[in-house]
Amino acid sequence: MSQPEQKLTSPASLAVDAVLLIAFFAYLYSVVSTHVPSTNPHMIMLWGALTAGCMTGVFWLALQMFRVVFRAQRAARKK
């Protein structure tokens, strides 16, 4: 007999992810926007947001990989 499929996400984990991603984006935007070589505030906002967005995407991938590995290690320890 096969085991019932386990749900991998919950509303709580999605909310935690959203809060972490928003905080990470805001922090990175504040760091990166000071390094944009422009005096035009629209260009600073554009390139700061684009850069922070890309790096936030990498952070999201790393967070998901961490969760998968953590879940697998916890399951292996239970066996």
PDB file of N, CA and C in Angstrom:
ATOM      1  N   MET A   1       0.822  -1.170   0.000  1.00  0.00           N
ATOM      2  CA  MET A   1       0.000   0.000   0.000  1.00  0.00           C
ATOM      3  C   MET A   1       0.876   1.247   0.000  1.00  0.00           C
ATOM      4  N   SER A   2       0.459   2.216  -0.751  1.00  0.00           N
ATOM      5  CA  SER A   2       1.218   3.461  -0.808  1.00  0.00           C
ATOM      6  C   SER A   2       0.758   4.406   0.306  1.00  0.00           C
ATOM      7  N   GLN A   3       1.692   5.240   0.729  1.00  0.00           N
ATOM      8  CA  GLN A   3       1.375   6.199   1.781  1.00  0.00           C
ATOM      9  C   GLN A   3       0.612   7.375   1.185  1.00  0.00           C
ATOM     10  N   PRO A   4      -0.250   8.002   1.969  1.00  0.00           N
ATOM     11  CA  PRO A   4      -0.938   9.193   1.455  1.00  0.00           C
ATOM     12  C   PRO A   4       0.079  10.301   1.197  1.00  0.00           C
ATOM     13  N   GLU A   5      -0.187  11.068   0.157  1.00  0.00           N
ATOM     14  CA  GLU A   5       0.756  12.116  -0.225  1.00  0.00           C
ATOM     15  C   GLU A   5       0.801  13.213   0.831  1.00  0.00           C
ATOM     16  N   GLN A   6       2.015  13.601   1.186  1.00  0.00           N
ATOM     17  CA  GLN A   6       2.215  14.614   2.214  1.00  0.00           C
ATOM     18  C   GLN A   6       2.171  16.006   1.594  1.00  0.00           C
ATOM     19  N   LYS A   7       1.467  16.912   2.234  1.00  0.00           N
ATOM     20  CA  LYS A   7       1.383  18.283   1.763  1.00  0.00           C
ATOM     21  C   LYS A   7       2.695  18.999   2.103  1.00  0.00           C
ATOM     22  N   LEU A   8       3.303  19.657   1.115  1.00  0.00           N
ATOM     23  CA  LEU A   8       4.615  20.254   1.323  1.00  0.00           C
ATOM     24  C   LEU A   8       4.556  21.712   1.753  1.00  0.00           C
ATOM     25  N   THR A   9       3.461  22.390   1.484  1.00  0.00           N
ATOM     26  CA  THR A   9       3.342  23.785   1.904  1.00  0.00           C
ATOM     27  C   THR A   9       2.082  23.965   2.724  1.00  0.00           C
ATOM     28  N   SER A  10       2.125  24.965   3.552  1.00  0.00           N
ATOM     29  CA  SER A  10       0.954  25.325   4.346  1.00  0.00           C
ATOM     30  C   SER A  10       0.792  26.839   4.270  1.00  0.00           C
ATOM     31  N   PRO A  11      -0.360  27.343   4.630  1.00  0.00           N
ATOM     32  CA  PRO A  11      -0.524  28.803   4.629  1.00  0.00           C
ATOM     33  C   PRO A  11       0.471  29.515   5.544  1.00  0.00           C
ATOM     34  N   ALA A  12       0.829  28.872   6.646  1.00  0.00           N
ATOM     35  CA  ALA A  12       1.803  29.479   7.565  1.00  0.00           C
ATOM     36  C   ALA A  12       3.183  29.559   6.924  1.00  0.00           C
ATOM     37  N   SER A  13       3.602  28.503   6.229  1.00  0.00           N
ATOM     38  CA  SER A  13       4.920  28.536   5.593  1.00  0.00           C
ATOM     39  C   SER A  13       4.958  29.545   4.448  1.00  0.00           C
ATOM     40  N   LEU A  14       3.845  29.704   3.740  1.00  0.00           N
ATOM     41  CA  LEU A  14       3.781  30.712   2.688  1.00  0.00           C
ATOM     42  C   LEU A  14       3.854  32.123   3.264  1.00  0.00           C
ATOM     43  N   ALA A  15       3.209  32.331   4.409  1.00  0.00           N
ATOM     44  CA  ALA A  15       3.251  33.644   5.060  1.00  0.00           C
ATOM     45  C   ALA A  15       4.662  33.953   5.561  1.00  0.00           C
ATOM     46  N   VAL A  16       5.324  32.960   6.133  1.00  0.00           N
ATOM     47  CA  VAL A  16       6.704  33.153   6.597  1.00  0.00           C
ATOM     48  C   VAL A  16       7.602  33.471   5.414  1.00  0.00           C
ATOM     49  N   ASP A  17       7.435  32.743   4.313  1.00  0.00           N
ATOM     50  CA  ASP A  17       8.225  33.017   3.106  1.00  0.00           C
ATOM     51  C   ASP A  17       7.997  34.442   2.612  1.00  0.00           C
ATOM     52  N   ALA A  18       6.743  34.874   2.585  1.00  0.00           N
ATOM     53  CA  ALA A  18       6.439  36.215   2.094  1.00  0.00           C
ATOM     54  C   ALA A  18       7.079  37.282   2.969  1.00  0.00           C
ATOM     55  N   VAL A  19       7.009  37.112   4.275  1.00  0.00           N
ATOM     56  CA  VAL A  19       7.608  38.097   5.187  1.00  0.00           C
ATOM     57  C   VAL A  19       9.126  38.120   5.019  1.00  0.00           C
ATOM     58  N   LEU A  20       9.743  36.941   4.943  1.00  0.00           N
ATOM     59  CA  LEU A  20      11.197  36.879   4.761  1.00  0.00           C
ATOM     60  C   LEU A  20      11.623  37.517   3.443  1.00  0.00           C
ATOM     61  N   LEU A  21      10.883  37.248   2.381  1.00  0.00           N
ATOM     62  CA  LEU A  21      11.246  37.796   1.079  1.00  0.00           C
ATOM     63  C   LEU A  21      11.070  39.307   1.031  1.00  0.00           C
ATOM     64  N   ILE A  22      10.007  39.818   1.614  1.00  0.00           N
ATOM     65  CA  ILE A  22       9.802  41.266   1.628  1.00  0.00           C
ATOM     66  C   ILE A  22      10.886  41.953   2.447  1.00  0.00           C
ATOM     67  N   ALA A  23      11.224  41.381   3.598  1.00  0.00           N
ATOM     68  CA  ALA A  23      12.284  41.958   4.429  1.00  0.00           C
ATOM     69  C   ALA A  23      13.627  41.911   3.721  1.00  0.00           C
ATOM     70  N   PHE A  24      13.921  40.792   3.055  1.00  0.00           N
ATOM     71  CA  PHE A  24      15.189  40.651   2.337  1.00  0.00           C
ATOM     72  C   PHE A  24      15.261  41.642   1.178  1.00  0.00           C
ATOM     73  N   PHE A  25      14.160  41.786   0.442  1.00  0.00           N
ATOM     74  CA  PHE A  25      14.130  42.734  -0.668  1.00  0.00           C
ATOM     75  C   PHE A  25      14.352  44.158  -0.168  1.00  0.00           C
ATOM     76  N   ALA A  26      13.678  44.538   0.907  1.00  0.00           N
ATOM     77  CA  ALA A  26      13.813  45.898   1.444  1.00  0.00           C
ATOM     78  C   ALA A  26      15.244  46.156   1.904  1.00  0.00           C
ATOM     79  N   TYR A  27      15.839  45.184   2.582  1.00  0.00           N
ATOM     80  CA  TYR A  27      17.224  45.342   3.030  1.00  0.00           C
ATOM     81  C   TYR A  27      18.164  45.472   1.841  1.00  0.00           C
ATOM     82  N   LEU A  28      18.021  44.578   0.870  1.00  0.00           N
ATOM     83  CA  LEU A  28      18.914  44.612  -0.280  1.00  0.00           C
ATOM     84  C   LEU A  28      18.723  45.870  -1.108  1.00  0.00           C
ATOM     85  N   TYR A  29      17.499  46.328  -1.241  1.00  0.00           N
ATOM     86  CA  TYR A  29      17.255  47.562  -1.984  1.00  0.00           C
ATOM     87  C   TYR A  29      17.959  48.731  -1.305  1.00  0.00           C
ATOM     88  N   SER A  30      17.895  48.782   0.015  1.00  0.00           N
ATOM     89  CA  SER A  30      18.551  49.885   0.727  1.00  0.00           C
ATOM     90  C   SER A  30      20.068  49.829   0.563  1.00  0.00           C
ATOM     91  N   VAL A  31      20.625  48.642   0.449  1.00  0.00           N
ATOM     92  CA  VAL A  31      22.071  48.515   0.258  1.00  0.00           C
ATOM     93  C   VAL A  31      22.459  48.812  -1.187  1.00  0.00           C
ATOM     94  N   VAL A  32      21.726  48.235  -2.126  1.00  0.00           N
ATOM     95  CA  VAL A  32      22.101  48.318  -3.540  1.00  0.00           C
ATOM     96  C   VAL A  32      21.823  49.699  -4.133  1.00  0.00           C
ATOM     97  N   SER A  33      20.758  50.342  -3.712  1.00  0.00           N
ATOM     98  CA  SER A  33      20.398  51.623  -4.332  1.00  0.00           C
ATOM     99  C   SER A  33      21.447  52.698  -4.087  1.00  0.00           C
ATOM    100  N   THR A  34      22.212  52.573  -3.027  1.00  0.00           N
ATOM    101  CA  THR A  34      23.275  53.561  -2.781  1.00  0.00           C
ATOM    102  C   THR A  34      24.455  53.389  -3.721  1.00  0.00           C
ATOM    103  N   HIS A  35      24.526  52.254  -4.415  1.00  0.00           N
ATOM    104  CA  HIS A  35      25.642  51.979  -5.312  1.00  0.00           C
ATOM    105  C   HIS A  35      25.318  52.200  -6.785  1.00  0.00           C
ATOM    106  N   VAL A  36      24.115  52.672  -7.099  1.00  0.00           N
ATOM    107  CA  VAL A  36      23.737  52.935  -8.490  1.00  0.00           C
ATOM    108  C   VAL A  36      24.413  54.237  -8.932  1.00  0.00           C
ATOM    109  N   PRO A  37      25.201  54.184 -10.013  1.00  0.00           N
ATOM    110  CA  PRO A  37      25.941  55.373 -10.446  1.00  0.00           C
ATOM    111  C   PRO A  37      25.070  56.343 -11.252  1.00  0.00           C
ATOM    112  N   SER A  38      24.105  56.971 -10.595  1.00  0.00           N
ATOM    113  CA  SER A  38      23.218  57.912 -11.257  1.00  0.00           C
ATOM    114  C   SER A  38      22.740  58.943 -10.246  1.00  0.00           C
ATOM    115  N   THR A  39      22.343  60.101 -10.761  1.00  0.00           N
ATOM    116  CA  THR A  39      21.744  61.115  -9.897  1.00  0.00           C
ATOM    117  C   THR A  39      20.238  61.205 -10.124  1.00  0.00           C
ATOM    118  N   ASN A  40      19.750  60.511 -11.136  1.00  0.00           N
ATOM    119  CA  ASN A  40      18.320  60.492 -11.439  1.00  0.00           C
ATOM    120  C   ASN A  40      17.615  59.535 -10.459  1.00  0.00           C
ATOM    121  N   PRO A  41      16.681  60.027  -9.659  1.00  0.00           N
ATOM    122  CA  PRO A  41      16.033  59.151  -8.673  1.00  0.00           C
ATOM    123  C   PRO A  41      15.242  58.005  -9.301  1.00  0.00           C
ATOM    124  N   HIS A  42      14.711  58.204 -10.516  1.00  0.00           N
ATOM    125  CA  HIS A  42      13.967  57.118 -11.176  1.00  0.00           C
ATOM    126  C   HIS A  42      14.903  55.990 -11.599  1.00  0.00           C
ATOM    127  N   MET A  43      16.084  56.332 -12.060  1.00  0.00           N
ATOM    128  CA  MET A  43      17.058  55.303 -12.443  1.00  0.00           C
ATOM    129  C   MET A  43      17.584  54.575 -11.210  1.00  0.00           C
ATOM    130  N   ILE A  44      17.786  55.303 -10.140  1.00  0.00           N
ATOM    131  CA  ILE A  44      18.239  54.671  -8.895  1.00  0.00           C
ATOM    132  C   ILE A  44      17.186  53.682  -8.415  1.00  0.00           C
ATOM    133  N   MET A  45      15.913  54.101  -8.472  1.00  0.00           N
ATOM    134  CA  MET A  45      14.832  53.214  -8.038  1.00  0.00           C
ATOM    135  C   MET A  45      14.721  51.991  -8.961  1.00  0.00           C
ATOM    136  N   LEU A  46      14.808  52.216 -10.260  1.00  0.00           N
ATOM    137  CA  LEU A  46      14.686  51.119 -11.226  1.00  0.00           C
ATOM    138  C   LEU A  46      15.788  50.090 -11.049  1.00  0.00           C
ATOM    139  N   TRP A  47      17.037  50.526 -11.097  1.00  0.00           N
ATOM    140  CA  TRP A  47      18.151  49.575 -11.038  1.00  0.00           C
ATOM    141  C   TRP A  47      18.334  48.981  -9.653  1.00  0.00           C
ATOM    142  N   GLY A  48      18.011  49.746  -8.632  1.00  0.00           N
ATOM    143  CA  GLY A  48      18.048  49.182  -7.283  1.00  0.00           C
ATOM    144  C   GLY A  48      17.000  48.091  -7.117  1.00  0.00           C
ATOM    145  N   ALA A  49      15.790  48.331  -7.623  1.00  0.00           N
ATOM    146  CA  ALA A  49      14.719  47.335  -7.511  1.00  0.00           C
ATOM    147  C   ALA A  49      15.003  46.108  -8.373  1.00  0.00           C
ATOM    148  N   LEU A  50      15.522  46.311  -9.582  1.00  0.00           N
ATOM    149  CA  LEU A  50      15.839  45.160 -10.442  1.00  0.00           C
ATOM    150  C   LEU A  50      16.924  44.284  -9.828  1.00  0.00           C
ATOM    151  N   THR A  51      17.944  44.919  -9.294  1.00  0.00           N
ATOM    152  CA  THR A  51      19.026  44.155  -8.677  1.00  0.00           C
ATOM    153  C   THR A  51      18.543  43.444  -7.422  1.00  0.00           C
ATOM    154  N   ALA A  52      17.810  44.149  -6.580  1.00  0.00           N
ATOM    155  CA  ALA A  52      17.285  43.533  -5.361  1.00  0.00           C
ATOM    156  C   ALA A  52      16.306  42.414  -5.704  1.00  0.00           C
ATOM    157  N   GLY A  53      15.536  42.582  -6.772  1.00  0.00           N
ATOM    158  CA  GLY A  53      14.598  41.540  -7.187  1.00  0.00           C
ATOM    159  C   GLY A  53      15.301  40.264  -7.615  1.00  0.00           C
ATOM    160  N   CYS A  54      16.365  40.399  -8.398  1.00  0.00           N
ATOM    161  CA  CYS A  54      17.120  39.219  -8.823  1.00  0.00           C
ATOM    162  C   CYS A  54      17.744  38.499  -7.630  1.00  0.00           C
ATOM    163  N   MET A  55      18.321  39.269  -6.729  1.00  0.00           N
ATOM    164  CA  MET A  55      18.964  38.656  -5.566  1.00  0.00           C
ATOM    165  C   MET A  55      17.932  38.063  -4.606  1.00  0.00           C
ATOM    166  N   THR A  56      16.749  38.636  -4.558  1.00  0.00           N
ATOM    167  CA  THR A  56      15.673  38.069  -3.740  1.00  0.00           C
ATOM    168  C   THR A  56      15.210  36.742  -4.334  1.00  0.00           C
ATOM    169  N   GLY A  57      15.199  36.643  -5.656  1.00  0.00           N
ATOM    170  CA  GLY A  57      14.867  35.365  -6.300  1.00  0.00           C
ATOM    171  C   GLY A  57      15.863  34.277  -5.948  1.00  0.00           C
ATOM    172  N   VAL A  58      17.128  34.611  -5.905  1.00  0.00           N
ATOM    173  CA  VAL A  58      18.158  33.637  -5.506  1.00  0.00           C
ATOM    174  C   VAL A  58      17.968  33.248  -4.044  1.00  0.00           C
ATOM    175  N   PHE A  59      17.633  34.228  -3.210  1.00  0.00           N
ATOM    176  CA  PHE A  59      17.366  33.944  -1.799  1.00  0.00           C
ATOM    177  C   PHE A  59      16.170  33.000  -1.659  1.00  0.00           C
ATOM    178  N   TRP A  60      15.118  33.205  -2.470  1.00  0.00           N
ATOM    179  CA  TRP A  60      13.952  32.330  -2.419  1.00  0.00           C
ATOM    180  C   TRP A  60      14.335  30.897  -2.802  1.00  0.00           C
ATOM    181  N   LEU A  61      15.145  30.754  -3.847  1.00  0.00           N
ATOM    182  CA  LEU A  61      15.590  29.410  -4.244  1.00  0.00           C
ATOM    183  C   LEU A  61      16.395  28.746  -3.132  1.00  0.00           C
ATOM    184  N   ALA A  62      17.297  29.494  -2.511  1.00  0.00           N
ATOM    185  CA  ALA A  62      18.102  28.946  -1.421  1.00  0.00           C
ATOM    186  C   ALA A  62      17.219  28.546  -0.238  1.00  0.00           C
ATOM    187  N   LEU A  63      16.211  29.349   0.049  1.00  0.00           N
ATOM    188  CA  LEU A  63      15.288  29.036   1.140  1.00  0.00           C
ATOM    189  C   LEU A  63      14.520  27.744   0.853  1.00  0.00           C
ATOM    190  N   GLN A  64      14.074  27.571  -0.381  1.00  0.00           N
ATOM    191  CA  GLN A  64      13.349  26.354  -0.742  1.00  0.00           C
ATOM    192  C   GLN A  64      14.256  25.123  -0.692  1.00  0.00           C
ATOM    193  N   MET A  65      15.499  25.264  -1.156  1.00  0.00           N
ATOM    194  CA  MET A  65      16.436  24.138  -1.083  1.00  0.00           C
ATOM    195  C   MET A  65      16.738  23.783   0.364  1.00  0.00           C
ATOM    196  N   PHE A  66      16.868  24.794   1.222  1.00  0.00           N
ATOM    197  CA  PHE A  66      17.099  24.537   2.644  1.00  0.00           C
ATOM    198  C   PHE A  66      15.936  23.749   3.238  1.00  0.00           C
ATOM    199  N   ARG A  67      14.714  24.134   2.903  1.00  0.00           N
ATOM    200  CA  ARG A  67      13.549  23.431   3.438  1.00  0.00           C
ATOM    201  C   ARG A  67      13.499  21.980   2.979  1.00  0.00           C
ATOM    202  N   VAL A  68      13.811  21.734   1.718  1.00  0.00           N
ATOM    203  CA  VAL A  68      13.769  20.364   1.195  1.00  0.00           C
ATOM    204  C   VAL A  68      14.816  19.496   1.887  1.00  0.00           C
ATOM    205  N   VAL A  69      16.025  20.019   2.022  1.00  0.00           N
ATOM    206  CA  VAL A  69      17.099  19.251   2.660  1.00  0.00           C
ATOM    207  C   VAL A  69      16.779  19.025   4.135  1.00  0.00           C
ATOM    208  N   PHE A  70      16.279  20.044   4.808  1.00  0.00           N
ATOM    209  CA  PHE A  70      15.930  19.908   6.221  1.00  0.00           C
ATOM    210  C   PHE A  70      14.846  18.860   6.412  1.00  0.00           C
ATOM    211  N   ARG A  71      13.826  18.878   5.544  1.00  0.00           N
ATOM    212  CA  ARG A  71      12.740  17.902   5.632  1.00  0.00           C
ATOM    213  C   ARG A  71      13.253  16.483   5.369  1.00  0.00           C
ATOM    214  N   ALA A  72      14.154  16.336   4.413  1.00  0.00           N
ATOM    215  CA  ALA A  72      14.708  15.008   4.098  1.00  0.00           C
ATOM    216  C   ALA A  72      15.582  14.494   5.247  1.00  0.00           C
ATOM    217  N   GLN A  73      16.363  15.368   5.845  1.00  0.00           N
ATOM    218  CA  GLN A  73      17.208  14.943   6.967  1.00  0.00           C
ATOM    219  C   GLN A  73      16.351  14.555   8.163  1.00  0.00           C
ATOM    220  N   ARG A  74      15.299  15.295   8.390  1.00  0.00           N
ATOM    221  CA  ARG A  74      14.398  14.976   9.521  1.00  0.00           C
ATOM    222  C   ARG A  74      13.694  13.639   9.275  1.00  0.00           C
ATOM    223  N   ALA A  75      13.298  13.376   8.036  1.00  0.00           N
ATOM    224  CA  ALA A  75      12.636  12.101   7.705  1.00  0.00           C
ATOM    225  C   ALA A  75      13.604  10.942   7.828  1.00  0.00           C
ATOM    226  N   ALA A  76      14.863  11.164   7.423  1.00  0.00           N
ATOM    227  CA  ALA A  76      15.857  10.105   7.517  1.00  0.00           C
ATOM    228  C   ALA A  76      16.197   9.781   8.975  1.00  0.00           C
ATOM    229  N   ARG A  77      16.167  10.783   9.808  1.00  0.00           N
ATOM    230  CA  ARG A  77      16.470  10.580  11.231  1.00  0.00           C
ATOM    231  C   ARG A  77      15.357   9.799  11.921  1.00  0.00           C
ATOM    232  N   LYS A  78      14.115   9.945  11.442  1.00  0.00           N
ATOM    233  CA  LYS A  78      12.986   9.237  12.049  1.00  0.00           C
ATOM    234  C   LYS A  78      12.999   7.754  11.722  1.00  0.00           C
ATOM    235  N   LYS A  79      13.609   7.368  10.609  1.00  0.00           N
ATOM    236  CA  LYS A  79      13.603   5.963  10.187  1.00  0.00           C
ATOM    237  C   LYS A  79      14.562   5.124  10.969  1.00  0.00           C
TER     238      LYS A  79
END
